[in-house]
Amino acid sequence: MAIDQELLEILACPRCKGPVRLVDEPEGLVCDQCRLLYPIEDGIPVMLIDEARPYDLV
């Protein structure tokens, strides 16, 4: 998965406006505060609250 570091630095969770981090499995961006996973489809982050899935922090 190749997301530009500059893009990752400016992306924020649309729900809480907090930072997101990249995870490999499942592929996506995670907001630790909201515990949501925003999927990456065809290399493009889908930063829509309605498309986010719950993410369990282990």
C-alpha atoms as a PDB file:
ATOM      1  CA  MET A   1       0.000   0.000   0.000  1.00  0.00           C
ATOM      2  CA  ALA A   2       1.472   3.320  -0.998  1.00  0.00           C
ATOM      3  CA  ILE A   3       0.031   6.421   0.589  1.00  0.00           C
ATOM      4  CA  ASP A   4       2.169   9.512   0.361  1.00  0.00           C
ATOM      5  CA  GLN A   5       3.474  10.577   3.781  1.00  0.00           C
ATOM      6  CA  GLU A   6       2.467  14.195   3.111  1.00  0.00           C
ATOM      7  CA  LEU A   7      -1.110  13.106   2.416  1.00  0.00           C
ATOM      8  CA  LEU A   8      -1.168  10.990   5.567  1.00  0.00           C
ATOM      9  CA  GLU A   9      -0.014  13.981   7.635  1.00  0.00           C
ATOM     10  CA  ILE A  10      -2.883  16.204   6.490  1.00  0.00           C
ATOM     11  CA  LEU A  11      -5.689  13.622   6.673  1.00  0.00           C
ATOM     12  CA  ALA A  12      -7.882  13.706   9.756  1.00  0.00           C
ATOM     13  CA  CYS A  13     -10.824  11.718  11.022  1.00  0.00           C
ATOM     14  CA  PRO A  14     -13.971  13.375   9.643  1.00  0.00           C
ATOM     15  CA  ARG A  15     -15.829  12.566  12.850  1.00  0.00           C
ATOM     16  CA  CYS A  16     -13.515  13.946  15.566  1.00  0.00           C
ATOM     17  CA  LYS A  17     -10.890  15.745  13.431  1.00  0.00           C
ATOM     18  CA  GLY A  18      -8.172  13.714  15.172  1.00  0.00           C
ATOM     19  CA  PRO A  19      -5.164  12.034  13.547  1.00  0.00           C
ATOM     20  CA  VAL A  20      -5.409   8.786  11.618  1.00  0.00           C
ATOM     21  CA  ARG A  21      -2.787   6.098  11.193  1.00  0.00           C
ATOM     22  CA  LEU A  22      -2.158   3.586   8.455  1.00  0.00           C
ATOM     23  CA  VAL A  23      -2.790  -0.130   9.102  1.00  0.00           C
ATOM     24  CA  ASP A  24      -2.126  -3.077   6.803  1.00  0.00           C
ATOM     25  CA  GLU A  25      -4.702  -5.619   7.935  1.00  0.00           C
ATOM     26  CA  PRO A  26      -7.406  -4.758   7.185  1.00  0.00           C
ATOM     27  CA  GLU A  27      -6.078  -2.118   4.818  1.00  0.00           C
ATOM     28  CA  GLY A  28      -7.136   1.355   5.854  1.00  0.00           C
ATOM     29  CA  LEU A  29      -6.710   4.390   8.061  1.00  0.00           C
ATOM     30  CA  VAL A  30      -7.608   4.124  11.727  1.00  0.00           C
ATOM     31  CA  CYS A  31      -8.750   6.792  14.150  1.00  0.00           C
ATOM     32  CA  ASP A  32      -7.776   5.519  17.598  1.00  0.00           C
ATOM     33  CA  GLN A  33     -10.017   8.031  19.352  1.00  0.00           C
ATOM     34  CA  CYS A  34     -13.219   7.049  17.499  1.00  0.00           C
ATOM     35  CA  ARG A  35     -12.129   3.435  16.947  1.00  0.00           C
ATOM     36  CA  LEU A  36     -13.087   3.644  13.280  1.00  0.00           C
ATOM     37  CA  LEU A  37     -11.385   2.190  10.215  1.00  0.00           C
ATOM     38  CA  TYR A  38     -11.632   4.164   6.981  1.00  0.00           C
ATOM     39  CA  PRO A  39     -11.017   1.796   4.051  1.00  0.00           C
ATOM     40  CA  ILE A  40      -8.560   2.351   1.225  1.00  0.00           C
ATOM     41  CA  GLU A  41      -9.982   1.407  -2.165  1.00  0.00           C
ATOM     42  CA  ASP A  42      -7.726   1.311  -5.225  1.00  0.00           C
ATOM     43  CA  GLY A  43      -5.116   3.320  -3.315  1.00  0.00           C
ATOM     44  CA  ILE A  44      -7.574   6.077  -2.352  1.00  0.00           C
ATOM     45  CA  PRO A  45      -8.647   6.618   1.279  1.00  0.00           C
ATOM     46  CA  VAL A  46     -12.432   6.699   1.652  1.00  0.00           C
ATOM     47  CA  MET A  47     -12.809   9.296   4.397  1.00  0.00           C
ATOM     48  CA  LEU A  48     -16.596   9.134   4.765  1.00  0.00           C
ATOM     49  CA  ILE A  49     -18.173   8.450   8.163  1.00  0.00           C
ATOM     50  CA  ASP A  50     -20.858   6.286   6.538  1.00  0.00           C
ATOM     51  CA  GLU A  51     -18.167   4.054   4.974  1.00  0.00           C
ATOM     52  CA  ALA A  52     -16.149   3.650   8.189  1.00  0.00           C
ATOM     53  CA  ARG A  53     -16.195   0.366  10.089  1.00  0.00           C
ATOM     54  CA  PRO A  54     -15.674  -0.263  13.811  1.00  0.00           C
ATOM     55  CA  TYR A  55     -12.035  -1.094  14.598  1.00  0.00           C
ATOM     56  CA  ASP A  56     -11.060  -3.034  17.700  1.00  0.00           C
ATOM     57  CA  LEU A  57      -7.748  -1.924  19.159  1.00  0.00           C
ATOM     58  CA  VAL A  58      -5.873  -4.974  20.304  1.00  0.00           C
END
